[in-house]
């Protein structure tokens, strides 16, 4: 297999600040747009853009693909982890109102699914399936995948063989850009950086 890259770009800060969003379709804030544009400044070589359907990813992906003259594909398989009853609740509200549930989720999300939320094992299975589909459709291309924090962690878990219980040991800040090298000897993480870093 010829070596090639897949880049992962998390969306920037959405309107409403830090909160559990999941399937909630909040758009990017002005800061979020600036963060994402800063992250891709000076980058080149992409041949395909793939995006989550949620607007905080898809709107920027559409703008970027149009500006660079690249094909754009929307893949619902890369949508964010669904947080059930927690969707729309800010992190501060959760810390204040149910600190045990908040701490338990981040310490061991495999055993602490939010009420009505998507179990982490099911989510990672969904991401594995979407990832395999992306590789099948676009193998050999330099792809940019615009997605979410949990999606990036799930892809890292696959590449780095991280236990699900340690899912949140990896930081995935707003507008972070990561690069994965696909190689015959195995996939490798090349870099992982914050906006404009």
N, C-alpha and C. Protein backbone atom coordinates (compact mmCIF):
# COMPACT_ATOMS: atom_id res chain seq x y z
N UNK A 1 0.84 -1.19 0.00
CA UNK A 1 0.00 0.00 0.00
C UNK A 1 0.88 1.25 0.00
N UNK A 2 0.60 2.16 -0.92
CA UNK A 2 1.33 3.41 -0.96
C UNK A 2 0.93 4.28 0.23
N UNK A 3 1.91 4.92 0.87
CA UNK A 3 1.66 5.78 2.02
C UNK A 3 0.83 7.00 1.60
N UNK A 4 -0.18 7.34 2.39
CA UNK A 4 -0.93 8.57 2.16
C UNK A 4 -1.51 9.05 3.49
N UNK A 5 -2.12 10.24 3.47
CA UNK A 5 -2.58 10.87 4.70
C UNK A 5 -4.09 11.02 4.75
N UNK A 6 -4.61 10.95 5.97
CA UNK A 6 -5.98 11.39 6.26
C UNK A 6 -5.88 12.38 7.41
N UNK A 7 -6.39 13.59 7.20
CA UNK A 7 -6.36 14.63 8.21
C UNK A 7 -7.73 14.73 8.88
N UNK A 8 -7.71 14.98 10.18
CA UNK A 8 -8.93 15.12 10.97
C UNK A 8 -8.99 16.55 11.50
N UNK A 9 -10.10 17.24 11.27
CA UNK A 9 -10.28 18.60 11.76
C UNK A 9 -11.54 18.66 12.60
N UNK A 10 -11.38 18.99 13.88
CA UNK A 10 -12.56 19.17 14.72
C UNK A 10 -13.17 20.55 14.44
N UNK A 11 -14.48 20.63 14.56
CA UNK A 11 -15.15 21.92 14.41
C UNK A 11 -14.67 22.91 15.47
N UNK A 12 -14.85 24.20 15.18
CA UNK A 12 -14.52 25.24 16.14
C UNK A 12 -15.62 25.40 17.17
N UNK A 13 -15.46 26.42 18.01
CA UNK A 13 -16.44 26.65 19.08
C UNK A 13 -17.82 26.98 18.49
N UNK A 14 -18.86 26.26 18.90
CA UNK A 14 -20.21 26.59 18.43
C UNK A 14 -20.82 27.74 19.23
N UNK A 15 -21.91 28.26 18.73
CA UNK A 15 -22.67 29.25 19.49
C UNK A 15 -23.20 28.60 20.76
N UNK A 16 -23.10 29.33 21.86
CA UNK A 16 -23.59 28.79 23.13
C UNK A 16 -22.52 28.27 24.05
N UNK A 17 -21.25 28.25 23.59
CA UNK A 17 -20.16 27.85 24.46
C UNK A 17 -20.09 26.36 24.73
N UNK A 18 -19.38 26.00 25.79
CA UNK A 18 -19.10 24.60 26.10
C UNK A 18 -20.31 23.92 26.71
N UNK A 19 -20.83 22.95 25.99
CA UNK A 19 -21.98 22.18 26.47
C UNK A 19 -22.02 20.85 25.74
N UNK A 20 -22.79 19.91 26.25
CA UNK A 20 -22.99 18.63 25.57
C UNK A 20 -23.93 18.88 24.39
N UNK A 21 -23.44 18.64 23.17
CA UNK A 21 -24.25 18.89 21.99
C UNK A 21 -24.73 17.61 21.33
N UNK A 22 -23.82 16.71 21.01
CA UNK A 22 -24.24 15.48 20.36
C UNK A 22 -24.93 15.76 19.05
N UNK A 23 -26.20 15.38 18.96
CA UNK A 23 -26.98 15.55 17.72
C UNK A 23 -27.58 16.95 17.60
N UNK A 24 -27.46 17.76 18.63
CA UNK A 24 -27.98 19.13 18.59
C UNK A 24 -27.19 19.91 17.54
N UNK A 25 -27.89 20.63 16.66
CA UNK A 25 -27.23 21.21 15.49
C UNK A 25 -26.96 22.70 15.66
N UNK A 26 -26.15 23.04 16.65
CA UNK A 26 -25.78 24.43 16.86
C UNK A 26 -24.73 24.85 15.83
N UNK A 27 -24.87 26.03 15.24
CA UNK A 27 -23.87 26.50 14.26
C UNK A 27 -22.62 27.02 14.96
N UNK A 28 -21.59 27.25 14.19
CA UNK A 28 -20.35 27.83 14.70
C UNK A 28 -20.57 29.27 15.16
N UNK A 29 -19.84 29.66 16.19
CA UNK A 29 -19.77 31.06 16.57
C UNK A 29 -18.76 31.77 15.66
N UNK A 30 -18.70 33.08 15.76
CA UNK A 30 -17.69 33.82 14.99
C UNK A 30 -16.29 33.36 15.37
N UNK A 31 -16.06 33.12 16.66
CA UNK A 31 -14.77 32.60 17.11
C UNK A 31 -14.50 31.24 16.49
N UNK A 32 -15.52 30.39 16.42
CA UNK A 32 -15.36 29.06 15.84
C UNK A 32 -14.93 29.10 14.38
N UNK A 33 -15.52 30.03 13.63
CA UNK A 33 -15.09 30.20 12.23
C UNK A 33 -13.63 30.62 12.15
N UNK A 34 -13.23 31.57 13.01
CA UNK A 34 -11.84 32.03 13.00
C UNK A 34 -10.89 30.90 13.38
N UNK A 35 -11.27 30.10 14.36
CA UNK A 35 -10.43 28.98 14.80
C UNK A 35 -10.19 27.99 13.65
N UNK A 36 -11.25 27.66 12.93
CA UNK A 36 -11.11 26.66 11.86
C UNK A 36 -10.30 27.20 10.69
N UNK A 37 -10.53 28.46 10.35
CA UNK A 37 -9.74 29.04 9.26
C UNK A 37 -8.27 29.12 9.62
N UNK A 38 -7.98 29.42 10.90
CA UNK A 38 -6.58 29.47 11.34
C UNK A 38 -5.93 28.10 11.28
N UNK A 39 -6.69 27.05 11.60
CA UNK A 39 -6.13 25.70 11.63
C UNK A 39 -5.69 25.21 10.25
N UNK A 40 -6.39 25.62 9.22
CA UNK A 40 -6.06 25.11 7.88
C UNK A 40 -5.19 26.09 7.07
N UNK A 41 -4.90 27.24 7.66
CA UNK A 41 -4.07 28.22 6.93
C UNK A 41 -2.71 27.61 6.59
N UNK A 42 -2.34 27.71 5.33
CA UNK A 42 -1.06 27.19 4.88
C UNK A 42 -1.04 25.70 4.57
N UNK A 43 -2.14 25.01 4.85
CA UNK A 43 -2.21 23.58 4.53
C UNK A 43 -2.56 23.40 3.05
N UNK A 44 -2.07 22.32 2.45
CA UNK A 44 -2.33 22.05 1.03
C UNK A 44 -2.25 20.56 0.78
N UNK A 45 -2.69 20.17 -0.39
CA UNK A 45 -2.54 18.78 -0.80
C UNK A 45 -3.77 17.92 -0.67
N UNK A 46 -4.84 18.44 -0.06
CA UNK A 46 -6.05 17.62 0.05
C UNK A 46 -6.66 17.37 -1.31
N UNK A 47 -7.20 16.16 -1.46
CA UNK A 47 -7.87 15.78 -2.71
C UNK A 47 -9.36 15.55 -2.53
N UNK A 48 -9.81 15.43 -1.28
CA UNK A 48 -11.20 15.13 -0.98
C UNK A 48 -11.52 15.67 0.41
N UNK A 49 -12.71 16.27 0.55
CA UNK A 49 -13.19 16.70 1.86
C UNK A 49 -14.41 15.85 2.21
N UNK A 50 -14.41 15.29 3.41
CA UNK A 50 -15.54 14.52 3.94
C UNK A 50 -15.97 15.20 5.23
N UNK A 51 -17.29 15.30 5.46
CA UNK A 51 -17.76 16.02 6.64
C UNK A 51 -18.93 15.30 7.31
N UNK A 52 -19.01 15.51 8.63
CA UNK A 52 -20.22 15.20 9.38
C UNK A 52 -21.36 16.07 8.82
N UNK A 53 -22.61 15.60 8.91
CA UNK A 53 -23.71 16.42 8.41
C UNK A 53 -24.08 17.59 9.32
N UNK A 54 -23.60 17.61 10.56
CA UNK A 54 -24.00 18.67 11.48
C UNK A 54 -23.37 20.00 11.06
N UNK A 55 -24.12 21.08 11.19
CA UNK A 55 -23.73 22.36 10.58
C UNK A 55 -22.41 22.90 11.11
N UNK A 56 -22.06 22.60 12.36
CA UNK A 56 -20.81 23.11 12.91
C UNK A 56 -19.59 22.53 12.21
N UNK A 57 -19.80 21.45 11.46
CA UNK A 57 -18.76 20.88 10.60
C UNK A 57 -19.02 21.19 9.13
N UNK A 58 -20.27 20.94 8.70
CA UNK A 58 -20.59 20.94 7.27
C UNK A 58 -20.48 22.33 6.64
N UNK A 59 -20.81 23.38 7.39
CA UNK A 59 -20.76 24.72 6.78
C UNK A 59 -19.33 25.12 6.46
N UNK A 60 -18.41 24.86 7.39
CA UNK A 60 -17.01 25.18 7.10
C UNK A 60 -16.46 24.27 6.01
N UNK A 61 -16.78 22.97 6.08
CA UNK A 61 -16.30 22.04 5.06
C UNK A 61 -16.74 22.46 3.67
N UNK A 62 -17.99 22.93 3.56
CA UNK A 62 -18.49 23.39 2.27
C UNK A 62 -17.75 24.62 1.79
N UNK A 63 -17.51 25.56 2.70
CA UNK A 63 -16.76 26.77 2.33
C UNK A 63 -15.35 26.41 1.86
N UNK A 64 -14.68 25.54 2.60
CA UNK A 64 -13.31 25.18 2.27
C UNK A 64 -13.23 24.42 0.95
N UNK A 65 -14.12 23.44 0.77
CA UNK A 65 -14.11 22.66 -0.47
C UNK A 65 -14.36 23.55 -1.69
N UNK A 66 -15.28 24.49 -1.55
CA UNK A 66 -15.56 25.41 -2.66
C UNK A 66 -14.35 26.28 -2.97
N UNK A 67 -13.71 26.80 -1.91
CA UNK A 67 -12.56 27.69 -2.11
C UNK A 67 -11.40 26.95 -2.76
N UNK A 68 -11.21 25.68 -2.42
CA UNK A 68 -10.08 24.92 -2.94
C UNK A 68 -10.44 24.11 -4.19
N UNK A 69 -11.71 24.13 -4.58
CA UNK A 69 -12.12 23.38 -5.76
C UNK A 69 -12.06 21.87 -5.56
N UNK A 70 -12.43 21.41 -4.36
CA UNK A 70 -12.33 19.99 -4.03
C UNK A 70 -13.71 19.35 -3.94
N UNK A 71 -13.81 18.06 -4.23
CA UNK A 71 -15.09 17.36 -4.04
C UNK A 71 -15.43 17.27 -2.56
N UNK A 72 -16.72 17.36 -2.26
CA UNK A 72 -17.21 17.35 -0.88
C UNK A 72 -18.20 16.21 -0.71
N UNK A 73 -18.03 15.46 0.36
CA UNK A 73 -18.92 14.33 0.66
C UNK A 73 -19.40 14.47 2.10
N UNK A 74 -20.69 14.27 2.33
CA UNK A 74 -21.26 14.26 3.67
C UNK A 74 -21.52 12.83 4.09
N UNK A 75 -21.06 12.45 5.28
CA UNK A 75 -21.19 11.08 5.77
C UNK A 75 -21.78 11.11 7.17
N UNK A 76 -23.05 10.68 7.30
CA UNK A 76 -23.74 10.70 8.59
C UNK A 76 -23.09 9.76 9.61
N UNK A 77 -22.29 8.81 9.14
CA UNK A 77 -21.60 7.92 10.06
C UNK A 77 -20.62 8.63 10.97
N UNK A 78 -20.18 9.83 10.57
CA UNK A 78 -19.22 10.59 11.37
C UNK A 78 -19.89 11.66 12.23
N UNK A 79 -21.21 11.56 12.44
CA UNK A 79 -21.89 12.48 13.36
C UNK A 79 -21.39 12.25 14.79
N UNK A 80 -21.61 13.24 15.64
CA UNK A 80 -21.10 13.19 17.02
C UNK A 80 -21.84 12.13 17.85
N UNK A 81 -21.18 11.71 18.93
CA UNK A 81 -21.78 10.85 19.94
C UNK A 81 -23.05 11.52 20.47
N UNK A 82 -24.14 10.76 20.55
CA UNK A 82 -25.41 11.30 21.05
C UNK A 82 -25.43 11.24 22.58
N UNK A 83 -25.73 12.38 23.22
CA UNK A 83 -25.68 12.47 24.67
C UNK A 83 -27.05 12.37 25.34
N UNK A 84 -28.10 12.04 24.60
CA UNK A 84 -29.41 11.82 25.20
C UNK A 84 -29.92 13.02 25.96
N UNK A 85 -30.30 12.79 27.23
CA UNK A 85 -30.90 13.85 28.04
C UNK A 85 -29.92 14.97 28.40
N UNK A 86 -28.63 14.73 28.18
CA UNK A 86 -27.64 15.77 28.49
C UNK A 86 -27.48 16.79 27.37
N UNK A 87 -28.05 16.53 26.22
CA UNK A 87 -27.83 17.43 25.08
C UNK A 87 -28.38 18.83 25.38
N UNK A 88 -27.54 19.82 25.12
CA UNK A 88 -27.91 21.20 25.38
C UNK A 88 -27.53 21.69 26.76
N UNK A 89 -27.12 20.77 27.66
CA UNK A 89 -26.74 21.14 29.03
C UNK A 89 -25.27 21.57 29.04
N UNK A 90 -24.98 22.69 29.68
CA UNK A 90 -23.59 23.16 29.73
C UNK A 90 -22.78 22.29 30.70
N UNK A 91 -21.47 22.27 30.50
CA UNK A 91 -20.60 21.52 31.40
C UNK A 91 -20.73 22.04 32.82
N UNK A 92 -20.82 23.36 32.99
CA UNK A 92 -20.93 23.94 34.33
C UNK A 92 -22.21 23.50 35.02
N UNK A 93 -23.33 23.44 34.27
CA UNK A 93 -24.58 22.97 34.85
C UNK A 93 -24.46 21.53 35.32
N UNK A 94 -23.82 20.68 34.50
CA UNK A 94 -23.65 19.28 34.88
C UNK A 94 -22.76 19.15 36.11
N UNK A 95 -21.67 19.88 36.15
CA UNK A 95 -20.78 19.84 37.33
C UNK A 95 -21.53 20.25 38.60
N UNK A 96 -22.38 21.25 38.47
CA UNK A 96 -23.10 21.79 39.63
C UNK A 96 -24.26 20.88 40.05
N UNK A 97 -25.02 20.38 39.07
CA UNK A 97 -26.26 19.66 39.37
C UNK A 97 -26.09 18.16 39.58
N UNK A 98 -25.08 17.57 38.94
CA UNK A 98 -24.87 16.13 39.09
C UNK A 98 -23.38 15.83 38.95
N UNK A 99 -22.58 16.27 39.93
CA UNK A 99 -21.13 16.11 39.81
C UNK A 99 -20.68 14.65 39.70
N UNK A 100 -21.39 13.73 40.35
CA UNK A 100 -21.00 12.32 40.28
C UNK A 100 -21.17 11.76 38.87
N UNK A 101 -22.28 12.09 38.22
CA UNK A 101 -22.52 11.62 36.86
C UNK A 101 -21.52 12.24 35.90
N UNK A 102 -21.25 13.52 36.08
CA UNK A 102 -20.29 14.23 35.22
C UNK A 102 -18.91 13.59 35.35
N UNK A 103 -18.45 13.40 36.58
CA UNK A 103 -17.13 12.81 36.80
C UNK A 103 -17.07 11.38 36.31
N UNK A 104 -18.13 10.62 36.55
CA UNK A 104 -18.15 9.21 36.13
C UNK A 104 -18.07 9.06 34.63
N UNK A 105 -18.76 9.93 33.91
CA UNK A 105 -18.75 9.85 32.45
C UNK A 105 -17.35 10.07 31.90
N UNK A 106 -16.64 11.06 32.39
CA UNK A 106 -15.31 11.34 31.86
C UNK A 106 -14.25 10.37 32.39
N UNK A 107 -14.49 9.78 33.57
CA UNK A 107 -13.53 8.81 34.11
C UNK A 107 -13.68 7.45 33.43
N UNK A 108 -14.91 7.04 33.14
CA UNK A 108 -15.15 5.73 32.52
C UNK A 108 -16.44 5.79 31.70
N UNK A 109 -16.38 6.39 30.51
CA UNK A 109 -17.60 6.56 29.71
C UNK A 109 -18.21 5.24 29.25
N UNK A 110 -17.44 4.18 29.23
CA UNK A 110 -17.98 2.88 28.83
C UNK A 110 -19.06 2.42 29.81
N UNK A 111 -18.89 2.77 31.08
CA UNK A 111 -19.82 2.32 32.12
C UNK A 111 -20.82 3.40 32.54
N UNK A 112 -20.74 4.58 31.96
CA UNK A 112 -21.58 5.70 32.39
C UNK A 112 -22.21 6.40 31.19
N UNK A 113 -23.10 5.73 30.50
CA UNK A 113 -23.81 6.32 29.36
C UNK A 113 -24.85 7.32 29.86
N UNK A 114 -24.88 8.54 29.33
CA UNK A 114 -25.94 9.48 29.72
C UNK A 114 -27.32 8.90 29.43
N UNK A 115 -28.33 9.22 30.26
CA UNK A 115 -29.67 8.68 30.03
C UNK A 115 -30.17 8.97 28.61
N UNK A 116 -30.53 7.91 27.91
CA UNK A 116 -31.00 8.05 26.54
C UNK A 116 -29.91 8.28 25.52
N UNK A 117 -28.66 8.23 25.96
CA UNK A 117 -27.54 8.48 25.07
C UNK A 117 -27.07 7.24 24.33
N UNK A 118 -26.11 7.45 23.45
CA UNK A 118 -25.55 6.39 22.63
C UNK A 118 -24.43 5.70 23.40
N UNK A 119 -24.53 4.40 23.67
CA UNK A 119 -23.44 3.71 24.38
C UNK A 119 -22.12 3.85 23.63
N UNK A 120 -21.05 4.03 24.38
CA UNK A 120 -19.76 4.30 23.75
C UNK A 120 -19.32 3.16 22.84
N UNK A 121 -19.56 1.92 23.23
CA UNK A 121 -19.19 0.80 22.37
C UNK A 121 -19.92 0.83 21.04
N UNK A 122 -21.22 1.18 21.08
CA UNK A 122 -21.99 1.30 19.84
C UNK A 122 -21.45 2.43 18.97
N UNK A 123 -21.14 3.55 19.62
CA UNK A 123 -20.61 4.70 18.89
C UNK A 123 -19.30 4.34 18.19
N UNK A 124 -18.39 3.69 18.90
CA UNK A 124 -17.10 3.34 18.30
C UNK A 124 -17.28 2.34 17.16
N UNK A 125 -18.25 1.44 17.30
CA UNK A 125 -18.57 0.55 16.19
C UNK A 125 -19.06 1.30 14.97
N UNK A 126 -19.88 2.33 15.20
CA UNK A 126 -20.37 3.17 14.10
C UNK A 126 -19.21 3.90 13.42
N UNK A 127 -18.30 4.44 14.22
CA UNK A 127 -17.16 5.16 13.65
C UNK A 127 -16.24 4.20 12.89
N UNK A 128 -16.02 3.01 13.44
CA UNK A 128 -15.20 2.01 12.73
C UNK A 128 -15.80 1.72 11.35
N UNK A 129 -17.12 1.57 11.30
CA UNK A 129 -17.80 1.27 10.02
C UNK A 129 -17.65 2.45 9.06
N UNK A 130 -17.85 3.67 9.56
CA UNK A 130 -17.71 4.85 8.70
C UNK A 130 -16.27 5.00 8.21
N UNK A 131 -15.31 4.73 9.07
CA UNK A 131 -13.89 4.84 8.71
C UNK A 131 -13.54 3.83 7.62
N UNK A 132 -13.99 2.60 7.78
CA UNK A 132 -13.73 1.58 6.76
C UNK A 132 -14.34 1.99 5.42
N UNK A 133 -15.54 2.59 5.47
CA UNK A 133 -16.17 3.05 4.24
C UNK A 133 -15.39 4.17 3.58
N UNK A 134 -14.89 5.10 4.40
CA UNK A 134 -14.07 6.19 3.87
C UNK A 134 -12.82 5.63 3.19
N UNK A 135 -12.16 4.67 3.82
CA UNK A 135 -10.95 4.08 3.24
C UNK A 135 -11.26 3.34 1.94
N UNK A 136 -12.40 2.69 1.90
CA UNK A 136 -12.78 1.96 0.69
C UNK A 136 -13.06 2.91 -0.47
N UNK A 137 -13.73 4.02 -0.18
CA UNK A 137 -14.11 4.97 -1.24
C UNK A 137 -12.94 5.84 -1.68
N UNK A 138 -12.06 6.19 -0.73
CA UNK A 138 -11.04 7.21 -1.01
C UNK A 138 -9.62 6.73 -0.70
N UNK A 139 -9.40 5.43 -0.74
CA UNK A 139 -8.08 4.89 -0.47
C UNK A 139 -7.04 5.47 -1.41
N UNK A 140 -5.90 5.87 -0.86
CA UNK A 140 -4.84 6.45 -1.67
C UNK A 140 -4.90 7.95 -1.80
N UNK A 141 -6.03 8.58 -1.41
CA UNK A 141 -6.17 10.03 -1.51
C UNK A 141 -5.77 10.69 -0.19
N UNK A 142 -5.38 11.96 -0.29
CA UNK A 142 -5.17 12.78 0.90
C UNK A 142 -6.52 13.41 1.24
N UNK A 143 -7.15 12.91 2.29
CA UNK A 143 -8.51 13.28 2.65
C UNK A 143 -8.50 14.19 3.88
N UNK A 144 -9.38 15.18 3.91
CA UNK A 144 -9.65 15.96 5.10
C UNK A 144 -11.03 15.56 5.62
N UNK A 145 -11.09 15.08 6.86
CA UNK A 145 -12.36 14.72 7.50
C UNK A 145 -12.68 15.78 8.55
N UNK A 146 -13.77 16.51 8.36
CA UNK A 146 -14.21 17.54 9.29
C UNK A 146 -15.25 16.91 10.21
N UNK A 147 -14.96 16.86 11.51
CA UNK A 147 -15.80 16.05 12.38
C UNK A 147 -15.81 16.59 13.81
N UNK A 148 -15.96 15.71 14.78
CA UNK A 148 -16.23 16.08 16.17
C UNK A 148 -15.19 15.49 17.12
N UNK A 149 -15.17 16.00 18.35
CA UNK A 149 -14.19 15.55 19.32
C UNK A 149 -14.26 14.06 19.60
N UNK A 150 -15.45 13.53 19.83
CA UNK A 150 -15.58 12.10 20.12
C UNK A 150 -15.22 11.26 18.89
N UNK A 151 -15.50 11.76 17.71
CA UNK A 151 -15.14 11.03 16.48
C UNK A 151 -13.62 10.91 16.38
N UNK A 152 -12.92 12.00 16.65
CA UNK A 152 -11.46 11.98 16.60
C UNK A 152 -10.92 11.01 17.63
N UNK A 153 -11.47 11.04 18.84
CA UNK A 153 -11.01 10.11 19.88
C UNK A 153 -11.26 8.66 19.48
N UNK A 154 -12.40 8.39 18.83
CA UNK A 154 -12.70 7.02 18.41
C UNK A 154 -11.74 6.54 17.34
N UNK A 155 -11.34 7.43 16.44
CA UNK A 155 -10.36 7.05 15.41
C UNK A 155 -8.99 6.83 16.04
N UNK A 156 -8.62 7.69 16.99
CA UNK A 156 -7.36 7.48 17.72
C UNK A 156 -7.38 6.15 18.48
N UNK A 157 -8.51 5.86 19.13
CA UNK A 157 -8.64 4.59 19.86
C UNK A 157 -8.33 3.41 18.95
N UNK A 158 -8.82 3.49 17.73
CA UNK A 158 -8.61 2.42 16.75
C UNK A 158 -7.12 2.31 16.39
N UNK A 159 -6.50 3.45 16.14
CA UNK A 159 -5.12 3.45 15.66
C UNK A 159 -4.13 3.13 16.78
N UNK A 160 -4.40 3.68 17.98
CA UNK A 160 -3.47 3.54 19.09
C UNK A 160 -3.83 2.39 20.03
N UNK A 161 -4.91 1.67 19.73
CA UNK A 161 -5.35 0.53 20.56
C UNK A 161 -5.59 0.96 22.01
N UNK A 162 -6.26 2.10 22.19
CA UNK A 162 -6.55 2.62 23.52
C UNK A 162 -7.81 1.96 24.08
N UNK A 163 -7.80 1.51 25.34
CA UNK A 163 -9.01 0.92 25.93
C UNK A 163 -10.15 1.95 25.97
N UNK A 164 -11.37 1.48 25.79
CA UNK A 164 -12.52 2.39 25.78
C UNK A 164 -12.65 3.14 27.10
N UNK A 165 -12.27 2.50 28.20
CA UNK A 165 -12.39 3.16 29.51
C UNK A 165 -11.53 4.43 29.57
N UNK A 166 -10.53 4.54 28.71
CA UNK A 166 -9.62 5.70 28.73
C UNK A 166 -9.88 6.65 27.56
N UNK A 167 -11.10 6.62 27.09
CA UNK A 167 -11.48 7.38 25.89
C UNK A 167 -11.14 8.85 26.00
N UNK A 168 -11.32 9.44 27.18
CA UNK A 168 -11.13 10.88 27.33
C UNK A 168 -9.72 11.25 27.79
N UNK A 169 -8.77 10.32 27.70
CA UNK A 169 -7.38 10.65 28.02
C UNK A 169 -6.73 11.48 26.90
N UNK A 170 -7.40 11.58 25.76
CA UNK A 170 -6.88 12.35 24.62
C UNK A 170 -7.64 13.66 24.52
N UNK A 171 -6.94 14.76 24.54
CA UNK A 171 -7.55 16.07 24.34
C UNK A 171 -7.82 16.28 22.85
N UNK A 172 -9.00 16.80 22.55
CA UNK A 172 -9.34 17.15 21.16
C UNK A 172 -10.00 18.52 21.18
N UNK A 173 -9.21 19.59 21.32
CA UNK A 173 -9.77 20.94 21.46
C UNK A 173 -10.45 21.41 20.18
N UNK A 174 -11.22 22.47 20.32
CA UNK A 174 -11.87 23.05 19.15
C UNK A 174 -10.84 23.33 18.05
N UNK A 175 -11.19 22.97 16.83
CA UNK A 175 -10.40 23.28 15.63
C UNK A 175 -9.02 22.63 15.63
N UNK A 176 -8.84 21.56 16.42
CA UNK A 176 -7.55 20.86 16.35
C UNK A 176 -7.45 20.13 15.01
N UNK A 177 -6.25 20.09 14.48
CA UNK A 177 -5.98 19.42 13.20
C UNK A 177 -4.99 18.28 13.47
N UNK A 178 -5.34 17.09 13.03
CA UNK A 178 -4.49 15.92 13.21
C UNK A 178 -4.21 15.29 11.86
N UNK A 179 -3.10 14.57 11.80
CA UNK A 179 -2.75 13.88 10.56
C UNK A 179 -2.41 12.43 10.85
N UNK A 180 -3.02 11.54 10.08
CA UNK A 180 -2.75 10.10 10.18
C UNK A 180 -2.11 9.65 8.88
N UNK A 181 -1.00 8.96 9.01
CA UNK A 181 -0.36 8.37 7.83
C UNK A 181 -0.82 6.93 7.70
N UNK A 182 -1.40 6.61 6.56
CA UNK A 182 -1.79 5.23 6.26
C UNK A 182 -0.60 4.57 5.56
N UNK A 183 -0.16 3.46 6.12
CA UNK A 183 1.07 2.82 5.66
C UNK A 183 0.88 1.31 5.73
N UNK A 184 1.61 0.59 4.89
CA UNK A 184 1.50 -0.87 4.86
C UNK A 184 1.82 -1.48 6.22
N UNK A 185 2.70 -0.85 6.98
CA UNK A 185 3.08 -1.37 8.29
C UNK A 185 2.14 -0.92 9.40
N UNK A 186 1.08 -0.21 9.06
CA UNK A 186 0.12 0.23 10.05
C UNK A 186 -0.06 1.73 10.05
N UNK A 187 -1.23 2.18 10.51
CA UNK A 187 -1.53 3.60 10.56
C UNK A 187 -0.73 4.26 11.68
N UNK A 188 -0.32 5.52 11.45
CA UNK A 188 0.51 6.24 12.41
C UNK A 188 0.00 7.66 12.59
N UNK A 189 -0.01 8.13 13.83
CA UNK A 189 -0.35 9.52 14.12
C UNK A 189 0.88 10.38 13.86
N UNK A 190 0.74 11.35 12.94
CA UNK A 190 1.87 12.21 12.55
C UNK A 190 1.92 13.45 13.42
N UNK A 191 0.77 14.15 13.58
CA UNK A 191 0.71 15.30 14.49
C UNK A 191 -0.72 15.52 14.95
N UNK A 192 -0.83 16.29 16.02
CA UNK A 192 -2.13 16.61 16.62
C UNK A 192 -1.94 17.97 17.26
N UNK A 193 -2.59 19.01 16.73
CA UNK A 193 -2.31 20.37 17.21
C UNK A 193 -3.58 21.20 17.28
N UNK A 194 -3.54 22.24 18.10
CA UNK A 194 -4.64 23.16 18.24
C UNK A 194 -4.71 24.16 17.11
N UNK A 195 -5.71 25.06 17.13
CA UNK A 195 -5.91 25.99 16.03
C UNK A 195 -4.70 26.88 15.78
N UNK A 196 -4.24 26.87 14.56
CA UNK A 196 -3.14 27.72 14.17
C UNK A 196 -1.80 27.30 14.76
N UNK A 197 -1.75 26.10 15.40
CA UNK A 197 -0.54 25.67 16.08
C UNK A 197 0.48 25.04 15.18
